[in-house]
Structure formats: C-alpha cells, structure tokens
C-alpha cells in the first residue's frame, strides 16, 4: 500500500511527523491547511481509522502504526491549550 507522512506544527510551535499507511490522509487534510485542535483531531481520527481499515481489508489485520499515530495525535491535542494545527507538508 502507498504510505504517506504529514509534517505538523502544533500551536505551541513544536513539530511532528505522523505516519499513515494510506494516501487517504490527503482526503482529510490539506497541505498548508490550518485546523482548530478539535477539528484536526476529528479529521485525523477519521483518516487514520479508514487507513487502518484499508490495511485490514488487504492483509487481514489493522495497522498498528496508524493506531500509534492516532494515539500520538490525541496526546498532543490534549497537551495544547488552544490554537490551530498547521499541516506543513503531506509527503508521499
């Protein structure tokens, strides 16, 4: 399956590179897009769940790396006070 990464900048200025096992992430997030924290969390949850399900459909099991990416995103969202997440790049 084609995979991709999203390079993120959190409201506190930290950056992170997030893995997706599928290009579906680009259907939920736009390069250069800015998303309020809760909207970003929702979009990420939907995209990474769908990506993991695509892996399940092809290989018979969900993608643990997608689950780890989602857990990291949810933890980062919980640490932020307010603001927007910037998607600096979507890398294939």
PDB file of N, CA and C in Angstrom:
ATOM      1  N   UNK A   1       0.838  -1.179   0.000  1.00  0.00           N
ATOM      2  CA  UNK A   1       0.000   0.000   0.000  1.00  0.00           C
ATOM      3  C   UNK A   1       0.885   1.245   0.000  1.00  0.00           C
ATOM      4  N   UNK A   2       0.457   2.274  -0.693  1.00  0.00           N
ATOM      5  CA  UNK A   2       1.230   3.530  -0.621  1.00  0.00           C
ATOM      6  C   UNK A   2       1.046   4.171   0.747  1.00  0.00           C
ATOM      7  N   UNK A   3       2.118   4.645   1.293  1.00  0.00           N
ATOM      8  CA  UNK A   3       2.059   5.297   2.598  1.00  0.00           C
ATOM      9  C   UNK A   3       2.405   6.762   2.451  1.00  0.00           C
ATOM     10  N   UNK A   4       2.141   7.510   3.502  1.00  0.00           N
ATOM     11  CA  UNK A   4       2.493   8.924   3.495  1.00  0.00           C
ATOM     12  C   UNK A   4       2.741   9.405   4.916  1.00  0.00           C
ATOM     13  N   UNK A   5       3.319  10.581   5.011  1.00  0.00           N
ATOM     14  CA  UNK A   5       3.564  11.240   6.292  1.00  0.00           C
ATOM     15  C   UNK A   5       3.009  12.657   6.208  1.00  0.00           C
ATOM     16  N   UNK A   6       2.567  13.151   7.337  1.00  0.00           N
ATOM     17  CA  UNK A   6       2.154  14.553   7.452  1.00  0.00           C
ATOM     18  C   UNK A   6       3.129  15.229   8.400  1.00  0.00           C
ATOM     19  N   UNK A   7       3.654  16.362   7.975  1.00  0.00           N
ATOM     20  CA  UNK A   7       4.527  17.174   8.833  1.00  0.00           C
ATOM     21  C   UNK A   7       3.653  18.247   9.459  1.00  0.00           C
ATOM     22  N   UNK A   8       3.572  18.244  10.796  1.00  0.00           N
ATOM     23  CA  UNK A   8       2.651  19.104  11.533  1.00  0.00           C
ATOM     24  C   UNK A   8       3.397  20.116  12.378  1.00  0.00           C
ATOM     25  N   UNK A   9       2.779  21.285  12.544  1.00  0.00           N
ATOM     26  CA  UNK A   9       3.257  22.275  13.509  1.00  0.00           C
ATOM     27  C   UNK A   9       2.102  22.537  14.475  1.00  0.00           C
ATOM     28  N   UNK A  10       2.357  22.234  15.745  1.00  0.00           N
ATOM     29  CA  UNK A  10       1.354  22.389  16.789  1.00  0.00           C
ATOM     30  C   UNK A  10       1.285  23.844  17.248  1.00  0.00           C
ATOM     31  N   UNK A  11       0.202  24.238  17.898  1.00  0.00           N
ATOM     32  CA  UNK A  11       0.061  25.625  18.360  1.00  0.00           C
ATOM     33  C   UNK A  11       1.208  26.110  19.250  1.00  0.00           C
ATOM     34  N   UNK A  12       1.842  25.202  19.982  1.00  0.00           N
ATOM     35  CA  UNK A  12       2.951  25.606  20.858  1.00  0.00           C
ATOM     36  C   UNK A  12       4.281  25.716  20.107  1.00  0.00           C
ATOM     37  N   UNK A  13       4.257  25.502  18.785  1.00  0.00           N
ATOM     38  CA  UNK A  13       5.455  25.645  17.959  1.00  0.00           C
ATOM     39  C   UNK A  13       6.225  24.364  17.721  1.00  0.00           C
ATOM     40  N   UNK A  14       5.892  23.293  18.431  1.00  0.00           N
ATOM     41  CA  UNK A  14       6.579  22.026  18.204  1.00  0.00           C
ATOM     42  C   UNK A  14       6.141  21.426  16.871  1.00  0.00           C
ATOM     43  N   UNK A  15       7.003  20.594  16.303  1.00  0.00           N
ATOM     44  CA  UNK A  15       6.682  19.930  15.045  1.00  0.00           C
ATOM     45  C   UNK A  15       6.699  18.427  15.248  1.00  0.00           C
ATOM     46  N   UNK A  16       5.996  17.745  14.357  1.00  0.00           N
ATOM     47  CA  UNK A  16       5.891  16.294  14.435  1.00  0.00           C
ATOM     48  C   UNK A  16       5.655  15.756  13.036  1.00  0.00           C
ATOM     49  N   UNK A  17       6.156  14.565  12.790  1.00  0.00           N
ATOM     50  CA  UNK A  17       5.922  13.860  11.523  1.00  0.00           C
ATOM     51  C   UNK A  17       5.066  12.647  11.841  1.00  0.00           C
ATOM     52  N   UNK A  18       3.911  12.542  11.205  1.00  0.00           N
ATOM     53  CA  UNK A  18       2.930  11.500  11.500  1.00  0.00           C
ATOM     54  C   UNK A  18       2.801  10.559  10.306  1.00  0.00           C
ATOM     55  N   UNK A  19       2.745   9.268  10.576  1.00  0.00           N
ATOM     56  CA  UNK A  19       2.656   8.217   9.555  1.00  0.00           C
ATOM     57  C   UNK A  19       1.211   7.841   9.257  1.00  0.00           C
ATOM     58  N   UNK A  20       0.941   7.560   7.994  1.00  0.00           N
ATOM     59  CA  UNK A  20      -0.321   6.958   7.571  1.00  0.00           C
ATOM     60  C   UNK A  20      -0.003   5.841   6.586  1.00  0.00           C
ATOM     61  N   UNK A  21      -0.630   4.673   6.727  1.00  0.00           N
ATOM     62  CA  UNK A  21      -0.370   3.565   5.811  1.00  0.00           C
ATOM     63  C   UNK A  21      -1.072   3.725   4.462  1.00  0.00           C
ATOM     64  N   UNK A  22      -1.790   4.820   4.293  1.00  0.00           N
ATOM     65  CA  UNK A  22      -2.583   5.026   3.084  1.00  0.00           C
ATOM     66  C   UNK A  22      -2.574   6.504   2.706  1.00  0.00           C
ATOM     67  N   UNK A  23      -2.777   6.762   1.449  1.00  0.00           N
ATOM     68  CA  UNK A  23      -2.865   8.144   0.970  1.00  0.00           C
ATOM     69  C   UNK A  23      -4.177   8.817   1.355  1.00  0.00           C
ATOM     70  N   UNK A  24      -5.062   8.088   2.025  1.00  0.00           N
ATOM     71  CA  UNK A  24      -6.360   8.637   2.418  1.00  0.00           C
ATOM     72  C   UNK A  24      -6.204   9.879   3.296  1.00  0.00           C
ATOM     73  N   UNK A  25      -5.091  10.018   3.957  1.00  0.00           N
ATOM     74  CA  UNK A  25      -4.854  11.187   4.806  1.00  0.00           C
ATOM     75  C   UNK A  25      -5.030  12.488   4.016  1.00  0.00           C
ATOM     76  N   UNK A  26      -4.655  12.454   2.737  1.00  0.00           N
ATOM     77  CA  UNK A  26      -4.768  13.645   1.887  1.00  0.00           C
ATOM     78  C   UNK A  26      -6.224  13.988   1.556  1.00  0.00           C
ATOM     79  N   UNK A  27      -7.145  13.068   1.819  1.00  0.00           N
ATOM     80  CA  UNK A  27      -8.569  13.355   1.618  1.00  0.00           C
ATOM     81  C   UNK A  27      -9.156  14.111   2.814  1.00  0.00           C
ATOM     82  N   UNK A  28      -8.453  14.099   3.932  1.00  0.00           N
ATOM     83  CA  UNK A  28      -8.941  14.719   5.157  1.00  0.00           C
ATOM     84  C   UNK A  28      -8.170  15.976   5.553  1.00  0.00           C
ATOM     85  N   UNK A  29      -6.903  16.055   5.113  1.00  0.00           N
ATOM     86  CA  UNK A  29      -6.044  17.177   5.472  1.00  0.00           C
ATOM     87  C   UNK A  29      -5.437  17.768   4.210  1.00  0.00           C
ATOM     88  N   UNK A  30      -5.277  19.070   4.194  1.00  0.00           N
ATOM     89  CA  UNK A  30      -4.707  19.765   3.050  1.00  0.00           C
ATOM     90  C   UNK A  30      -3.347  20.338   3.426  1.00  0.00           C
ATOM     91  N   UNK A  31      -2.380  20.149   2.542  1.00  0.00           N
ATOM     92  CA  UNK A  31      -1.067  20.737   2.771  1.00  0.00           C
ATOM     93  C   UNK A  31      -1.220  22.250   2.885  1.00  0.00           C
ATOM     94  N   UNK A  32      -0.654  22.833   3.924  1.00  0.00           N
ATOM     95  CA  UNK A  32      -0.792  24.259   4.185  1.00  0.00           C
ATOM     96  C   UNK A  32      -2.050  24.617   4.952  1.00  0.00           C
ATOM     97  N   UNK A  33      -2.894  23.602   5.196  1.00  0.00           N
ATOM     98  CA  UNK A  33      -4.140  23.845   5.916  1.00  0.00           C
ATOM     99  C   UNK A  33      -3.904  24.073   7.398  1.00  0.00           C
ATOM    100  N   UNK A  34      -4.760  24.912   7.970  1.00  0.00           N
ATOM    101  CA  UNK A  34      -4.748  25.185   9.417  1.00  0.00           C
ATOM    102  C   UNK A  34      -6.090  24.710   9.961  1.00  0.00           C
ATOM    103  N   UNK A  35      -6.017  23.928  11.045  1.00  0.00           N
ATOM    104  CA  UNK A  35      -7.218  23.322  11.606  1.00  0.00           C
ATOM    105  C   UNK A  35      -7.282  23.567  13.108  1.00  0.00           C
ATOM    106  N   UNK A  36      -8.423  24.034  13.618  1.00  0.00           N
ATOM    107  CA  UNK A  36      -8.589  24.113  15.063  1.00  0.00           C
ATOM    108  C   UNK A  36      -8.339  22.726  15.671  1.00  0.00           C
ATOM    109  N   UNK A  37      -7.837  22.701  16.891  1.00  0.00           N
ATOM    110  CA  UNK A  37      -7.415  21.443  17.509  1.00  0.00           C
ATOM    111  C   UNK A  37      -8.453  20.331  17.426  1.00  0.00           C
ATOM    112  N   UNK A  38      -9.683  20.607  17.833  1.00  0.00           N
ATOM    113  CA  UNK A  38     -10.707  19.546  17.849  1.00  0.00           C
ATOM    114  C   UNK A  38     -11.054  19.076  16.440  1.00  0.00           C
ATOM    115  N   UNK A  39     -11.095  19.994  15.483  1.00  0.00           N
ATOM    116  CA  UNK A  39     -11.357  19.623  14.096  1.00  0.00           C
ATOM    117  C   UNK A  39     -10.209  18.765  13.565  1.00  0.00           C
ATOM    118  N   UNK A  40      -8.979  19.151  13.894  1.00  0.00           N
ATOM    119  CA  UNK A  40      -7.827  18.367  13.461  1.00  0.00           C
ATOM    120  C   UNK A  40      -7.867  16.960  14.060  1.00  0.00           C
ATOM    121  N   UNK A  41      -8.207  16.862  15.334  1.00  0.00           N
ATOM    122  CA  UNK A  41      -8.294  15.559  15.994  1.00  0.00           C
ATOM    123  C   UNK A  41      -9.358  14.689  15.319  1.00  0.00           C
ATOM    124  N   UNK A  42     -10.508  15.283  15.019  1.00  0.00           N
ATOM    125  CA  UNK A  42     -11.590  14.528  14.367  1.00  0.00           C
ATOM    126  C   UNK A  42     -11.168  14.046  12.986  1.00  0.00           C
ATOM    127  N   UNK A  43     -10.595  14.948  12.191  1.00  0.00           N
ATOM    128  CA  UNK A  43     -10.163  14.580  10.843  1.00  0.00           C
ATOM    129  C   UNK A  43      -9.099  13.477  10.887  1.00  0.00           C
ATOM    130  N   UNK A  44      -8.159  13.617  11.801  1.00  0.00           N
ATOM    131  CA  UNK A  44      -7.093  12.621  11.931  1.00  0.00           C
ATOM    132  C   UNK A  44      -7.655  11.270  12.344  1.00  0.00           C
ATOM    133  N   UNK A  45      -8.578  11.282  13.295  1.00  0.00           N
ATOM    134  CA  UNK A  45      -9.206  10.046  13.757  1.00  0.00           C
ATOM    135  C   UNK A  45      -9.904   9.339  12.603  1.00  0.00           C
ATOM    136  N   UNK A  46     -10.682  10.091  11.828  1.00  0.00           N
ATOM    137  CA  UNK A  46     -11.401   9.500  10.696  1.00  0.00           C
ATOM    138  C   UNK A  46     -10.427   8.968   9.643  1.00  0.00           C
ATOM    139  N   UNK A  47      -9.416   9.762   9.298  1.00  0.00           N
ATOM    140  CA  UNK A  47      -8.467   9.372   8.258  1.00  0.00           C
ATOM    141  C   UNK A  47      -7.651   8.153   8.668  1.00  0.00           C
ATOM    142  N   UNK A  48      -7.118   8.157   9.879  1.00  0.00           N
ATOM    143  CA  UNK A  48      -6.264   7.042  10.293  1.00  0.00           C
ATOM    144  C   UNK A  48      -7.062   5.781  10.567  1.00  0.00           C
ATOM    145  N   UNK A  49      -8.305   5.922  10.988  1.00  0.00           N
ATOM    146  CA  UNK A  49      -9.169   4.742  11.132  1.00  0.00           C
ATOM    147  C   UNK A  49      -9.454   4.142   9.769  1.00  0.00           C
ATOM    148  N   UNK A  50      -9.781   4.985   8.804  1.00  0.00           N
ATOM    149  CA  UNK A  50     -10.027   4.497   7.446  1.00  0.00           C
ATOM    150  C   UNK A  50      -8.773   3.854   6.861  1.00  0.00           C
ATOM    151  N   UNK A  51      -7.624   4.478   7.068  1.00  0.00           N
ATOM    152  CA  UNK A  51      -6.370   3.926   6.568  1.00  0.00           C
ATOM    153  C   UNK A  51      -6.099   2.554   7.184  1.00  0.00           C
ATOM    154  N   UNK A  52      -6.318   2.438   8.475  1.00  0.00           N
ATOM    155  CA  UNK A  52      -6.103   1.161   9.160  1.00  0.00           C
ATOM    156  C   UNK A  52      -7.068   0.094   8.647  1.00  0.00           C
ATOM    157  N   UNK A  53      -8.295   0.495   8.377  1.00  0.00           N
ATOM    158  CA  UNK A  53      -9.272  -0.454   7.834  1.00  0.00           C
ATOM    159  C   UNK A  53      -8.901  -0.908   6.416  1.00  0.00           C
ATOM    160  N   UNK A  54      -8.291  -0.045   5.648  1.00  0.00           N
ATOM    161  CA  UNK A  54      -7.804  -0.447   4.322  1.00  0.00           C
ATOM    162  C   UNK A  54      -6.727  -1.520   4.456  1.00  0.00           C
ATOM    163  N   UNK A  55      -5.868  -1.359   5.453  1.00  0.00           N
ATOM    164  CA  UNK A  55      -4.844  -2.376   5.718  1.00  0.00           C
ATOM    165  C   UNK A  55      -5.526  -3.687   6.126  1.00  0.00           C
ATOM    166  N   UNK A  56      -6.533  -3.593   7.007  1.00  0.00           N
ATOM    167  CA  UNK A  56      -7.258  -4.792   7.431  1.00  0.00           C
ATOM    168  C   UNK A  56      -7.889  -5.508   6.234  1.00  0.00           C
ATOM    169  N   UNK A  57      -8.490  -4.742   5.339  1.00  0.00           N
ATOM    170  CA  UNK A  57      -9.140  -5.339   4.171  1.00  0.00           C
ATOM    171  C   UNK A  57      -8.118  -6.062   3.284  1.00  0.00           C
ATOM    172  N   UNK A  58      -6.931  -5.522   3.185  1.00  0.00           N
ATOM    173  CA  UNK A  58      -5.914  -6.115   2.305  1.00  0.00           C
ATOM    174  C   UNK A  58      -5.143  -7.254   2.974  1.00  0.00           C
ATOM    175  N   UNK A  59      -4.806  -7.082   4.267  1.00  0.00           N
ATOM    176  CA  UNK A  59      -3.911  -8.034   4.937  1.00  0.00           C
ATOM    177  C   UNK A  59      -4.565  -8.842   6.060  1.00  0.00           C
ATOM    178  N   UNK A  60      -5.774  -8.484   6.443  1.00  0.00           N
ATOM    179  CA  UNK A  60      -6.470  -9.243   7.469  1.00  0.00           C
ATOM    180  C   UNK A  60      -6.258  -8.754   8.896  1.00  0.00           C
ATOM    181  N   UNK A  61      -5.532  -7.666   9.069  1.00  0.00           N
ATOM    182  CA  UNK A  61      -5.314  -7.102  10.405  1.00  0.00           C
ATOM    183  C   UNK A  61      -5.150  -5.595  10.274  1.00  0.00           C
ATOM    184  N   UNK A  62      -5.514  -4.840  11.326  1.00  0.00           N
ATOM    185  CA  UNK A  62      -5.389  -3.379  11.260  1.00  0.00           C
ATOM    186  C   UNK A  62      -3.933  -2.949  11.363  1.00  0.00           C
ATOM    187  N   UNK A  63      -3.684  -1.705  11.048  1.00  0.00           N
ATOM    188  CA  UNK A  63      -2.327  -1.164  11.067  1.00  0.00           C
ATOM    189  C   UNK A  63      -1.992  -0.607  12.450  1.00  0.00           C
ATOM    190  N   UNK A  64      -1.045  -1.229  13.116  1.00  0.00           N
ATOM    191  CA  UNK A  64      -0.663  -0.760  14.455  1.00  0.00           C
ATOM    192  C   UNK A  64       0.053   0.587  14.400  1.00  0.00           C
ATOM    193  N   UNK A  65       0.754   0.870  13.301  1.00  0.00           N
ATOM    194  CA  UNK A  65       1.424   2.173  13.181  1.00  0.00           C
ATOM    195  C   UNK A  65       0.412   3.307  13.036  1.00  0.00           C
ATOM    196  N   UNK A  66      -0.703   3.048  12.351  1.00  0.00           N
ATOM    197  CA  UNK A  66      -1.763   4.060  12.251  1.00  0.00           C
ATOM    198  C   UNK A  66      -2.365   4.314  13.628  1.00  0.00           C
ATOM    199  N   UNK A  67      -2.560   3.249  14.397  1.00  0.00           N
ATOM    200  CA  UNK A  67      -3.087   3.410  15.757  1.00  0.00           C
ATOM    201  C   UNK A  67      -2.110   4.199  16.619  1.00  0.00           C
ATOM    202  N   UNK A  68      -0.820   3.950  16.453  1.00  0.00           N
ATOM    203  CA  UNK A  68       0.193   4.689  17.215  1.00  0.00           C
ATOM    204  C   UNK A  68       0.207   6.159  16.805  1.00  0.00           C
ATOM    205  N   UNK A  69       0.057   6.434  15.504  1.00  0.00           N
ATOM    206  CA  UNK A  69      -0.007   7.824  15.039  1.00  0.00           C
ATOM    207  C   UNK A  69      -1.197   8.540  15.656  1.00  0.00           C
ATOM    208  N   UNK A  70      -2.345   7.874  15.664  1.00  0.00           N
ATOM    209  CA  UNK A  70      -3.547   8.474  16.227  1.00  0.00           C
ATOM    210  C   UNK A  70      -3.388   8.718  17.724  1.00  0.00           C
ATOM    211  N   UNK A  71      -2.810   7.766  18.435  1.00  0.00           N
ATOM    212  CA  UNK A  71      -2.590   7.950  19.873  1.00  0.00           C
ATOM    213  C   UNK A  71      -1.673   9.144  20.133  1.00  0.00           C
ATOM    214  N   UNK A  72      -0.643   9.300  19.301  1.00  0.00           N
ATOM    215  CA  UNK A  72       0.261  10.442  19.444  1.00  0.00           C
ATOM    216  C   UNK A  72      -0.431  11.759  19.171  1.00  0.00           C
ATOM    217  N   UNK A  73      -1.278  11.781  18.156  1.00  0.00           N
ATOM    218  CA  UNK A  73      -2.034  12.997  17.830  1.00  0.00           C
ATOM    219  C   UNK A  73      -2.974  13.353  18.977  1.00  0.00           C
ATOM    220  N   UNK A  74      -3.689  12.368  19.485  1.00  0.00           N
ATOM    221  CA  UNK A  74      -4.636  12.640  20.566  1.00  0.00           C
ATOM    222  C   UNK A  74      -3.918  13.128  21.828  1.00  0.00           C
ATOM    223  N   UNK A  75      -2.745  12.576  22.109  1.00  0.00           N
ATOM    224  CA  UNK A  75      -1.961  13.035  23.263  1.00  0.00           C
ATOM    225  C   UNK A  75      -1.478  14.467  23.051  1.00  0.00           C
ATOM    226  N   UNK A  76      -1.034  14.779  21.827  1.00  0.00           N
ATOM    227  CA  UNK A  76      -0.558  16.131  21.525  1.00  0.00           C
ATOM    228  C   UNK A  76      -1.694  17.143  21.612  1.00  0.00           C
ATOM    229  N   UNK A  77      -2.867  16.783  21.111  1.00  0.00           N
ATOM    230  CA  UNK A  77      -4.029  17.675  21.196  1.00  0.00           C
ATOM    231  C   UNK A  77      -4.358  17.954  22.666  1.00  0.00           C
ATOM    232  N   UNK A  78      -4.283  16.931  23.492  1.00  0.00           N
ATOM    233  CA  UNK A  78      -4.596  17.099  24.919  1.00  0.00           C
ATOM    234  C   UNK A  78      -3.605  18.024  25.621  1.00  0.00           C
ATOM    235  N   UNK A  79      -2.363  18.098  25.122  1.00  0.00           N
ATOM    236  CA  UNK A  79      -1.345  18.955  25.744  1.00  0.00           C
ATOM    237  C   UNK A  79      -1.475  20.418  25.333  1.00  0.00           C
ATOM    238  N   UNK A  80      -2.161  20.690  24.242  1.00  0.00           N
ATOM    239  CA  UNK A  80      -2.279  22.052  23.738  1.00  0.00           C
ATOM    240  C   UNK A  80      -3.396  22.786  24.467  1.00  0.00           C
ATOM    241  N   UNK A  81      -3.238  24.069  24.629  1.00  0.00           N
ATOM    242  CA  UNK A  81      -4.281  24.868  25.284  1.00  0.00           C
ATOM    243  C   UNK A  81      -5.341  25.313  24.292  1.00  0.00           C
ATOM    244  N   UNK A  82      -4.897  25.806  23.159  1.00  0.00           N
ATOM    245  CA  UNK A  82      -5.817  26.356  22.176  1.00  0.00           C
ATOM    246  C   UNK A  82      -5.018  26.584  20.906  1.00  0.00           C
ATOM    247  N   UNK A  83      -5.682  26.913  19.824  1.00  0.00           N
ATOM    248  CA  UNK A  83      -4.991  27.271  18.598  1.00  0.00           C
ATOM    249  C   UNK A  83      -5.289  26.320  17.460  1.00  0.00           C
ATOM    250  N   UNK A  84      -4.439  26.418  16.454  1.00  0.00           N
ATOM    251  CA  UNK A  84      -4.609  25.639  15.234  1.00  0.00           C
ATOM    252  C   UNK A  84      -3.373  24.793  14.965  1.00  0.00           C
ATOM    253  N   UNK A  85      -3.617  23.676  14.285  1.00  0.00           N
ATOM    254  CA  UNK A  85      -2.535  22.818  13.810  1.00  0.00           C
ATOM    255  C   UNK A  85      -2.304  23.181  12.346  1.00  0.00           C
ATOM    256  N   UNK A  86      -1.052  23.395  11.989  1.00  0.00           N
ATOM    257  CA  UNK A  86      -0.679  23.658  10.604  1.00  0.00           C
ATOM    258  C   UNK A  86      -0.134  22.376   9.995  1.00  0.00           C
ATOM    259  N   UNK A  87      -0.696  21.976   8.862  1.00  0.00           N
ATOM    260  CA  UNK A  87      -0.146  20.858   8.104  1.00  0.00           C
ATOM    261  C   UNK A  87       0.884  21.445   7.171  1.00  0.00           C
ATOM    262  N   UNK A  88       2.148  21.355   7.565  1.00  0.00           N
ATOM    263  CA  UNK A  88       3.218  21.954   6.777  1.00  0.00           C
ATOM    264  C   UNK A  88       3.436  21.238   5.452  1.00  0.00           C
ATOM    265  N   UNK A  89       3.313  19.907   5.472  1.00  0.00           N
ATOM    266  CA  UNK A  89       3.526  19.133   4.256  1.00  0.00           C
ATOM    267  C   UNK A  89       2.847  17.785   4.359  1.00  0.00           C
ATOM    268  N   UNK A  90       2.415  17.265   3.213  1.00  0.00           N
ATOM    269  CA  UNK A  90       1.982  15.881   3.072  1.00  0.00           C
ATOM    270  C   UNK A  90       3.019  15.233   2.163  1.00  0.00           C
ATOM    271  N   UNK A  91       3.729  14.264   2.697  1.00  0.00           N
ATOM    272  CA  UNK A  91       4.855  13.658   1.992  1.00  0.00           C
ATOM    273  C   UNK A  91       4.537  12.223   1.609  1.00  0.00           C
ATOM    274  N   UNK A  92       4.718  11.915   0.332  1.00  0.00           N
ATOM    275  CA  UNK A  92       4.455  10.556  -0.165  1.00  0.00           C
ATOM    276  C   UNK A  92       5.733   9.801  -0.368  1.00  0.00           C
TER     277      UNK A  92
END
